[in-house]
Amino acid sequence: MALTTQDIHATADTLAEQGVKPTLAEVRKALGGG
């Protein structure tokens, strides 16, 4: 399944809400790849 911009934005929002800086590496880790 291809990642969408919405998937990535939602993941970045979730990380930010958790107090985690949504870097490319953190977002990729949270998404499980990409």
Full PDB file with SEQRES, HELIX, SHEET, SSBOND, CRYST1, ORIGX, SCALE, CONECT and MASTER records, all heavy atoms in Angstrom:
SEQRES   1 A   34  MET ALA LEU THR THR GLN ASP ILE HIS ALA THR ALA ASP          
SEQRES   2 A   34  THR LEU ALA GLU GLN GLY VAL LYS PRO THR LEU ALA GLU          
SEQRES   3 A   34  VAL ARG LYS ALA LEU GLY GLY GLY                              
HELIX    1 AA1 THR A    5  GLU A   17  1                                  13    
HELIX    2 AA2 LEU A   24  LEU A   31  1                                   8    
CRYST1    1.000    1.000    1.000  90.00  90.00  90.00 P 1           1          
ORIGX1      1.000000  0.000000  0.000000        0.00000                         
ORIGX2      0.000000  1.000000  0.000000        0.00000                         
ORIGX3      0.000000  0.000000  1.000000        0.00000                         
SCALE1      1.000000  0.000000  0.000000        0.00000                         
SCALE2      0.000000  1.000000  0.000000        0.00000                         
SCALE3      0.000000  0.000000  1.000000        0.00000                         
ATOM      1  N   MET A   1       0.846  -1.185   0.000  1.00  0.00           N  
ATOM      2  CA  MET A   1       0.000   0.000   0.000  1.00  0.00           C  
ATOM      3  C   MET A   1       0.891   1.248   0.000  1.00  0.00           C  
ATOM      4  O   MET A   1       1.806   1.385   0.800  1.00  0.00           O  
ATOM      5  CB  MET A   1      -0.888  -0.012   1.248  1.00  0.00           C  
ATOM      6  CG  MET A   1      -1.789   1.188   1.346  1.00  0.00           C  
ATOM      7  SD  MET A   1      -2.931   1.045   2.716  1.00  0.00           S  
ATOM      8  CE  MET A   1      -2.269   2.278   3.783  1.00  0.00           C  
ATOM      9  N   ALA A   2       0.623   2.133  -0.898  1.00  0.00           N  
ATOM     10  CA  ALA A   2       1.405   3.372  -1.011  1.00  0.00           C  
ATOM     11  C   ALA A   2       0.971   4.372   0.060  1.00  0.00           C  
ATOM     12  O   ALA A   2      -0.203   4.470   0.403  1.00  0.00           O  
ATOM     13  CB  ALA A   2       1.204   3.981  -2.395  1.00  0.00           C  
ATOM     14  N   LEU A   3       1.951   5.078   0.584  1.00  0.00           N  
ATOM     15  CA  LEU A   3       1.651   6.114   1.568  1.00  0.00           C  
ATOM     16  C   LEU A   3       1.053   7.327   0.886  1.00  0.00           C  
ATOM     17  O   LEU A   3       1.478   7.709  -0.193  1.00  0.00           O  
ATOM     18  CB  LEU A   3       2.937   6.541   2.284  1.00  0.00           C  
ATOM     19  CG  LEU A   3       3.598   5.521   3.184  1.00  0.00           C  
ATOM     20  CD1 LEU A   3       4.930   6.059   3.673  1.00  0.00           C  
ATOM     21  CD2 LEU A   3       2.700   5.189   4.356  1.00  0.00           C  
ATOM     22  N   THR A   4       0.087   7.918   1.547  1.00  0.00           N  
ATOM     23  CA  THR A   4      -0.497   9.151   1.030  1.00  0.00           C  
ATOM     24  C   THR A   4       0.007  10.328   1.868  1.00  0.00           C  
ATOM     25  O   THR A   4       0.484  10.149   2.996  1.00  0.00           O  
ATOM     26  CB  THR A   4      -2.036   9.124   1.101  1.00  0.00           C  
ATOM     27  OG1 THR A   4      -2.427   9.096   2.484  1.00  0.00           O  
ATOM     28  CG2 THR A   4      -2.610   7.919   0.367  1.00  0.00           C  
ATOM     29  N   THR A   5      -0.125  11.496   1.312  1.00  0.00           N  
ATOM     30  CA  THR A   5       0.224  12.708   2.042  1.00  0.00           C  
ATOM     31  C   THR A   5      -0.594  12.788   3.321  1.00  0.00           C  
ATOM     32  O   THR A   5      -0.068  13.154   4.384  1.00  0.00           O  
ATOM     33  CB  THR A   5      -0.009  13.946   1.155  1.00  0.00           C  
ATOM     34  OG1 THR A   5       0.847  13.846   0.020  1.00  0.00           O  
ATOM     35  CG2 THR A   5       0.285  15.232   1.892  1.00  0.00           C  
ATOM     36  N   GLN A   6      -1.859  12.393   3.261  1.00  0.00           N  
ATOM     37  CA  GLN A   6      -2.724  12.427   4.435  1.00  0.00           C  
ATOM     38  C   GLN A   6      -2.210  11.480   5.520  1.00  0.00           C  
ATOM     39  O   GLN A   6      -2.249  11.819   6.710  1.00  0.00           O  
ATOM     40  CB  GLN A   6      -4.174  12.074   4.064  1.00  0.00           C  
ATOM     41  CG  GLN A   6      -4.866  13.112   3.220  1.00  0.00           C  
ATOM     42  CD  GLN A   6      -4.520  13.009   1.720  1.00  0.00           C  
ATOM     43  OE1 GLN A   6      -3.830  12.102   1.277  1.00  0.00           O  
ATOM     44  NE2 GLN A   6      -4.985  13.976   0.951  1.00  0.00           N  
ATOM     45  N   ASP A   7      -1.735  10.290   5.127  1.00  0.00           N  
ATOM     46  CA  ASP A   7      -1.175   9.344   6.097  1.00  0.00           C  
ATOM     47  C   ASP A   7       0.029   9.959   6.810  1.00  0.00           C  
ATOM     48  O   ASP A   7       0.165   9.860   8.035  1.00  0.00           O  
ATOM     49  CB  ASP A   7      -0.695   8.056   5.406  1.00  0.00           C  
ATOM     50  CG  ASP A   7      -1.792   7.231   4.789  1.00  0.00           C  
ATOM     51  OD1 ASP A   7      -2.947   7.283   5.268  1.00  0.00           O  
ATOM     52  OD2 ASP A   7      -1.487   6.503   3.818  1.00  0.00           O  
ATOM     53  N   ILE A   8       0.886  10.585   6.032  1.00  0.00           N  
ATOM     54  CA  ILE A   8       2.112  11.168   6.571  1.00  0.00           C  
ATOM     55  C   ILE A   8       1.779  12.352   7.477  1.00  0.00           C  
ATOM     56  O   ILE A   8       2.338  12.484   8.572  1.00  0.00           O  
ATOM     57  CB  ILE A   8       3.064  11.551   5.428  1.00  0.00           C  
ATOM     58  CG1 ILE A   8       3.490  10.267   4.691  1.00  0.00           C  
ATOM     59  CG2 ILE A   8       4.268  12.330   5.938  1.00  0.00           C  
ATOM     60  CD1 ILE A   8       4.133  10.488   3.343  1.00  0.00           C  
ATOM     61  N   HIS A   9       0.853  13.197   7.048  1.00  0.00           N  
ATOM     62  CA  HIS A   9       0.449  14.340   7.874  1.00  0.00           C  
ATOM     63  C   HIS A   9      -0.163  13.866   9.183  1.00  0.00           C  
ATOM     64  O   HIS A   9       0.127  14.425  10.248  1.00  0.00           O  
ATOM     65  CB  HIS A   9      -0.545  15.222   7.125  1.00  0.00           C  
ATOM     66  CG  HIS A   9       0.073  16.054   6.058  1.00  0.00           C  
ATOM     67  ND1 HIS A   9      -0.591  17.109   5.476  1.00  0.00           N  
ATOM     68  CD2 HIS A   9       1.280  16.004   5.447  1.00  0.00           C  
ATOM     69  CE1 HIS A   9       0.178  17.672   4.558  1.00  0.00           C  
ATOM     70  NE2 HIS A   9       1.324  17.002   4.523  1.00  0.00           N  
ATOM     71  N   ALA A  10      -1.007  12.860   9.132  1.00  0.00           N  
ATOM     72  CA  ALA A  10      -1.651  12.340  10.335  1.00  0.00           C  
ATOM     73  C   ALA A  10      -0.605  11.778  11.293  1.00  0.00           C  
ATOM     74  O   ALA A  10      -0.694  11.988  12.514  1.00  0.00           O  
ATOM     75  CB  ALA A  10      -2.676  11.266   9.971  1.00  0.00           C  
ATOM     76  N   THR A  11       0.375  11.090  10.760  1.00  0.00           N  
ATOM     77  CA  THR A  11       1.439  10.535  11.594  1.00  0.00           C  
ATOM     78  C   THR A  11       2.258  11.652  12.221  1.00  0.00           C  
ATOM     79  O   THR A  11       2.586  11.606  13.416  1.00  0.00           O  
ATOM     80  CB  THR A  11       2.329   9.590  10.774  1.00  0.00           C  
ATOM     81  OG1 THR A  11       1.511   8.525  10.256  1.00  0.00           O  
ATOM     82  CG2 THR A  11       3.458   9.020  11.602  1.00  0.00           C  
ATOM     83  N   ALA A  12       2.584  12.675  11.443  1.00  0.00           N  
ATOM     84  CA  ALA A  12       3.335  13.818  11.970  1.00  0.00           C  
ATOM     85  C   ALA A  12       2.535  14.521  13.066  1.00  0.00           C  
ATOM     86  O   ALA A  12       3.092  14.900  14.100  1.00  0.00           O  
ATOM     87  CB  ALA A  12       3.681  14.795  10.846  1.00  0.00           C  
ATOM     88  N   ASP A  13       1.235  14.673  12.859  1.00  0.00           N  
ATOM     89  CA  ASP A  13       0.371  15.291  13.878  1.00  0.00           C  
ATOM     90  C   ASP A  13       0.393  14.474  15.168  1.00  0.00           C  
ATOM     91  O   ASP A  13       0.507  15.028  16.259  1.00  0.00           O  
ATOM     92  CB  ASP A  13      -1.070  15.387  13.377  1.00  0.00           C  
ATOM     93  CG  ASP A  13      -1.276  16.469  12.330  1.00  0.00           C  
ATOM     94  OD1 ASP A  13      -0.460  17.414  12.272  1.00  0.00           O  
ATOM     95  OD2 ASP A  13      -2.256  16.359  11.567  1.00  0.00           O  
ATOM     96  N   THR A  14       0.274  13.166  15.042  1.00  0.00           N  
ATOM     97  CA  THR A  14       0.265  12.282  16.207  1.00  0.00           C  
ATOM     98  C   THR A  14       1.583  12.381  16.969  1.00  0.00           C  
ATOM     99  O   THR A  14       1.583  12.492  18.201  1.00  0.00           O  
ATOM    100  CB  THR A  14       0.003  10.821  15.781  1.00  0.00           C  
ATOM    101  OG1 THR A  14      -1.275  10.758  15.147  1.00  0.00           O  
ATOM    102  CG2 THR A  14       0.035   9.879  16.974  1.00  0.00           C  
ATOM    103  N   LEU A  15       2.682  12.345  16.239  1.00  0.00           N  
ATOM    104  CA  LEU A  15       3.989  12.464  16.889  1.00  0.00           C  
ATOM    105  C   LEU A  15       4.110  13.795  17.622  1.00  0.00           C  
ATOM    106  O   LEU A  15       4.552  13.837  18.780  1.00  0.00           O  
ATOM    107  CB  LEU A  15       5.112  12.316  15.867  1.00  0.00           C  
ATOM    108  CG  LEU A  15       5.325  10.914  15.301  1.00  0.00           C  
ATOM    109  CD1 LEU A  15       6.309  10.947  14.134  1.00  0.00           C  
ATOM    110  CD2 LEU A  15       5.802   9.952  16.377  1.00  0.00           C  
ATOM    111  N   ALA A  16       3.707  14.871  16.966  1.00  0.00           N  
ATOM    112  CA  ALA A  16       3.798  16.202  17.577  1.00  0.00           C  
ATOM    113  C   ALA A  16       2.940  16.267  18.841  1.00  0.00           C  
ATOM    114  O   ALA A  16       3.364  16.828  19.854  1.00  0.00           O  
ATOM    115  CB  ALA A  16       3.384  17.271  16.576  1.00  0.00           C  
ATOM    116  N   GLU A  17       1.750  15.685  18.798  1.00  0.00           N  
ATOM    117  CA  GLU A  17       0.862  15.668  19.966  1.00  0.00           C  
ATOM    118  C   GLU A  17       1.469  14.883  21.118  1.00  0.00           C  
ATOM    119  O   GLU A  17       1.196  15.164  22.280  1.00  0.00           O  
ATOM    120  CB  GLU A  17      -0.497  15.078  19.593  1.00  0.00           C  
ATOM    121  CG  GLU A  17      -1.330  15.984  18.711  1.00  0.00           C  
ATOM    122  CD  GLU A  17      -2.536  15.290  18.096  1.00  0.00           C  
ATOM    123  OE1 GLU A  17      -2.777  14.097  18.396  1.00  0.00           O  
ATOM    124  OE2 GLU A  17      -3.226  15.942  17.294  1.00  0.00           O  
ATOM    125  N   GLN A  18       2.302  13.892  20.789  1.00  0.00           N  
ATOM    126  CA  GLN A  18       2.968  13.067  21.804  1.00  0.00           C  
ATOM    127  C   GLN A  18       4.250  13.726  22.315  1.00  0.00           C  
ATOM    128  O   GLN A  18       4.940  13.165  23.155  1.00  0.00           O  
ATOM    129  CB  GLN A  18       3.294  11.688  21.236  1.00  0.00           C  
ATOM    130  CG  GLN A  18       2.085  10.865  20.898  1.00  0.00           C  
ATOM    131  CD  GLN A  18       2.430   9.582  20.153  1.00  0.00           C  
ATOM    132  OE1 GLN A  18       3.548   9.387  19.692  1.00  0.00           O  
ATOM    133  NE2 GLN A  18       1.451   8.700  20.022  1.00  0.00           N  
ATOM    134  N   GLY A  19       4.571  14.893  21.766  1.00  0.00           N  
ATOM    135  CA  GLY A  19       5.772  15.593  22.179  1.00  0.00           C  
ATOM    136  C   GLY A  19       7.036  15.123  21.475  1.00  0.00           C  
ATOM    137  O   GLY A  19       8.143  15.444  21.893  1.00  0.00           O  
ATOM    138  N   VAL A  20       6.863  14.357  20.396  1.00  0.00           N  
ATOM    139  CA  VAL A  20       7.989  13.859  19.620  1.00  0.00           C  
ATOM    140  C   VAL A  20       8.138  14.743  18.391  1.00  0.00           C  
ATOM    141  O   VAL A  20       7.159  14.971  17.666  1.00  0.00           O  
ATOM    142  CB  VAL A  20       7.759  12.387  19.176  1.00  0.00           C  
ATOM    143  CG1 VAL A  20       8.890  11.902  18.289  1.00  0.00           C  
ATOM    144  CG2 VAL A  20       7.573  11.493  20.382  1.00  0.00           C  
ATOM    145  N   LYS A  21       9.339  15.248  18.161  1.00  0.00           N  
ATOM    146  CA  LYS A  21       9.565  16.078  16.972  1.00  0.00           C  
ATOM    147  C   LYS A  21       9.404  15.191  15.733  1.00  0.00           C  
ATOM    148  O   LYS A  21      10.108  14.185  15.591  1.00  0.00           O  
ATOM    149  CB  LYS A  21      10.962  16.687  17.012  1.00  0.00           C  
ATOM    150  CG  LYS A  21      11.213  17.629  15.867  1.00  0.00           C  
ATOM    151  CD  LYS A  21      12.556  18.309  15.978  1.00  0.00           C  
ATOM    152  CE  LYS A  21      12.740  19.259  14.799  1.00  0.00           C  
ATOM    153  NZ  LYS A  21      14.013  19.971  14.899  1.00  0.00           N  
ATOM    154  N   PRO A  22       8.490  15.553  14.836  1.00  0.00           N  
ATOM    155  CA  PRO A  22       8.234  14.716  13.669  1.00  0.00           C  
ATOM    156  C   PRO A  22       9.299  14.882  12.572  1.00  0.00           C  
ATOM    157  O   PRO A  22       9.066  15.512  11.546  1.00  0.00           O  
ATOM    158  CB  PRO A  22       6.846  15.150  13.194  1.00  0.00           C  
ATOM    159  CG  PRO A  22       6.697  16.535  13.695  1.00  0.00           C  
ATOM    160  CD  PRO A  22       7.521  16.639  14.948  1.00  0.00           C  
ATOM    161  N   THR A  23      10.469  14.316  12.808  1.00  0.00           N  
ATOM    162  CA  THR A  23      11.521  14.323  11.789  1.00  0.00           C  
ATOM    163  C   THR A  23      11.188  13.278  10.731  1.00  0.00           C  
ATOM    164  O   THR A  23      10.307  12.424  10.937  1.00  0.00           O  
ATOM    165  CB  THR A  23      12.876  13.977  12.428  1.00  0.00           C  
ATOM    166  OG1 THR A  23      12.803  12.640  12.963  1.00  0.00           O  
ATOM    167  CG2 THR A  23      13.253  14.956  13.528  1.00  0.00           C  
ATOM    168  N   LEU A  24      11.908  13.320   9.633  1.00  0.00           N  
ATOM    169  CA  LEU A  24      11.685  12.315   8.585  1.00  0.00           C  
ATOM    170  C   LEU A  24      11.886  10.909   9.140  1.00  0.00           C  
ATOM    171  O   LEU A  24      11.091  10.002   8.869  1.00  0.00           O  
ATOM    172  CB  LEU A  24      12.631  12.543   7.408  1.00  0.00           C  
ATOM    173  CG  LEU A  24      12.482  13.851   6.643  1.00  0.00           C  
ATOM    174  CD1 LEU A  24      13.490  13.900   5.497  1.00  0.00           C  
ATOM    175  CD2 LEU A  24      11.085  14.030   6.114  1.00  0.00           C  
ATOM    176  N   ALA A  25      12.948  10.733   9.921  1.00  0.00           N  
ATOM    177  CA  ALA A  25      13.237   9.408  10.482  1.00  0.00           C  
ATOM    178  C   ALA A  25      12.146   8.962  11.451  1.00  0.00           C  
ATOM    179  O   ALA A  25      11.725   7.792  11.414  1.00  0.00           O  
ATOM    180  CB  ALA A  25      14.592   9.420  11.170  1.00  0.00           C  
ATOM    181  N   GLU A  26      11.662   9.874  12.308  1.00  0.00           N  
ATOM    182  CA  GLU A  26      10.610   9.519  13.274  1.00  0.00           C  
ATOM    183  C   GLU A  26       9.304   9.180  12.564  1.00  0.00           C  
ATOM    184  O   GLU A  26       8.603   8.239  12.946  1.00  0.00           O  
ATOM    185  CB  GLU A  26      10.391  10.643  14.290  1.00  0.00           C  
ATOM    186  CG  GLU A  26      11.496  10.777  15.309  1.00  0.00           C  
ATOM    187  CD  GLU A  26      11.592   9.605  16.274  1.00  0.00           C  
ATOM    188  OE1 GLU A  26      10.611   8.856  16.464  1.00  0.00           O  
ATOM    189  OE2 GLU A  26      12.678   9.433  16.848  1.00  0.00           O  
ATOM    190  N   VAL A  27       8.967   9.966  11.550  1.00  0.00           N  
ATOM    191  CA  VAL A  27       7.729   9.704  10.803  1.00  0.00           C  
ATOM    192  C   VAL A  27       7.836   8.362  10.087  1.00  0.00           C  
ATOM    193  O   VAL A  27       6.913   7.546  10.128  1.00  0.00           O  
ATOM    194  CB  VAL A  27       7.427  10.852   9.810  1.00  0.00           C  
ATOM    195  CG1 VAL A  27       6.288  10.484   8.875  1.00  0.00           C  
ATOM    196  CG2 VAL A  27       7.108  12.134  10.570  1.00  0.00           C  
ATOM    197  N   ARG A  28       8.972   8.114   9.461  1.00  0.00           N  
ATOM    198  CA  ARG A  28       9.180   6.849   8.748  1.00  0.00           C  
ATOM    199  C   ARG A  28       9.094   5.670   9.715  1.00  0.00           C  
ATOM    200  O   ARG A  28       8.473   4.650   9.412  1.00  0.00           O  
ATOM    201  CB  ARG A  28      10.529   6.862   8.037  1.00  0.00           C  
ATOM    202  CG  ARG A  28      10.755   5.659   7.157  1.00  0.00           C  
ATOM    203  CD  ARG A  28      12.049   5.854   6.351  1.00  0.00           C  
ATOM    204  NE  ARG A  28      12.174   4.857   5.330  1.00  0.00           N  
ATOM    205  CZ  ARG A  28      12.894   3.739   5.461  1.00  0.00           C  
ATOM    206  NH1 ARG A  28      13.553   3.507   6.585  1.00  0.00           N  
ATOM    207  NH2 ARG A  28      12.960   2.875   4.477  1.00  0.00           N  
ATOM    208  N   LYS A  29       9.705   5.819  10.879  1.00  0.00           N  
ATOM    209  CA  LYS A  29       9.659   4.761  11.893  1.00  0.00           C  
ATOM    210  C   LYS A  29       8.224   4.506  12.342  1.00  0.00           C  
ATOM    211  O   LYS A  29       7.791   3.356  12.433  1.00  0.00           O  
ATOM    212  CB  LYS A  29      10.538   5.162  13.076  1.00  0.00           C  
ATOM    213  CG  LYS A  29      10.657   4.115  14.158  1.00  0.00           C  
ATOM    214  CD  LYS A  29      11.733   4.524  15.149  1.00  0.00           C  
ATOM    215  CE  LYS A  29      11.102   4.935  16.451  1.00  0.00           C  
ATOM    216  NZ  LYS A  29      12.085   5.317  17.471  1.00  0.00           N  
ATOM    217  N   ALA A  30       7.483   5.577  12.604  1.00  0.00           N  
ATOM    218  CA  ALA A  30       6.095   5.441  13.047  1.00  0.00           C  
ATOM    219  C   ALA A  30       5.205   4.812  11.972  1.00  0.00           C  
ATOM    220  O   ALA A  30       4.266   4.086  12.289  1.00  0.00           O  
ATOM    221  CB  ALA A  30       5.537   6.798  13.459  1.00  0.00           C  
ATOM    222  N   LEU A  31       5.529   5.094  10.720  1.00  0.00           N  
ATOM    223  CA  LEU A  31       4.754   4.530   9.610  1.00  0.00           C  
ATOM    224  C   LEU A  31       5.139   3.077   9.328  1.00  0.00           C  
ATOM    225  O   LEU A  31       4.426   2.374   8.619  1.00  0.00           O  
ATOM    226  CB  LEU A  31       4.964   5.354   8.339  1.00  0.00           C  
ATOM    227  CG  LEU A  31       4.326   6.734   8.316  1.00  0.00           C  
ATOM    228  CD1 LEU A  31       4.888   7.560   7.175  1.00  0.00           C  
ATOM    229  CD2 LEU A  31       2.809   6.612   8.199  1.00  0.00           C  
ATOM    230  N   GLY A  32       6.288   2.672   9.829  1.00  0.00           N  
ATOM    231  CA  GLY A  32       6.755   1.313   9.565  1.00  0.00           C  
ATOM    232  C   GLY A  32       7.496   1.192   8.250  1.00  0.00           C  
ATOM    233  O   GLY A  32       7.656   0.103   7.707  1.00  0.00           O  
ATOM    234  N   GLY A  33       7.947   2.305   7.703  1.00  0.00           N  
ATOM    235  CA  GLY A  33       8.699   2.291   6.448  1.00  0.00           C  
ATOM    236  C   GLY A  33       8.205   3.377   5.522  1.00  0.00           C  
ATOM    237  O   GLY A  33       7.422   4.237   5.908  1.00  0.00           O  
ATOM    238  N   GLY A  34       8.678   3.325   4.314  1.00  0.00           N  
ATOM    239  CA  GLY A  34       8.287   4.306   3.311  1.00  0.00           C  
ATOM    240  C   GLY A  34       9.492   4.998   2.715  1.00  0.00           C  
ATOM    241  O   GLY A  34      10.582   4.994   3.290  1.00  0.00           O  
TER     242      GLY A  34                                                      
MASTER        0    0    0    2    0    0    0    6  241    1    0    3          
END                                                                             
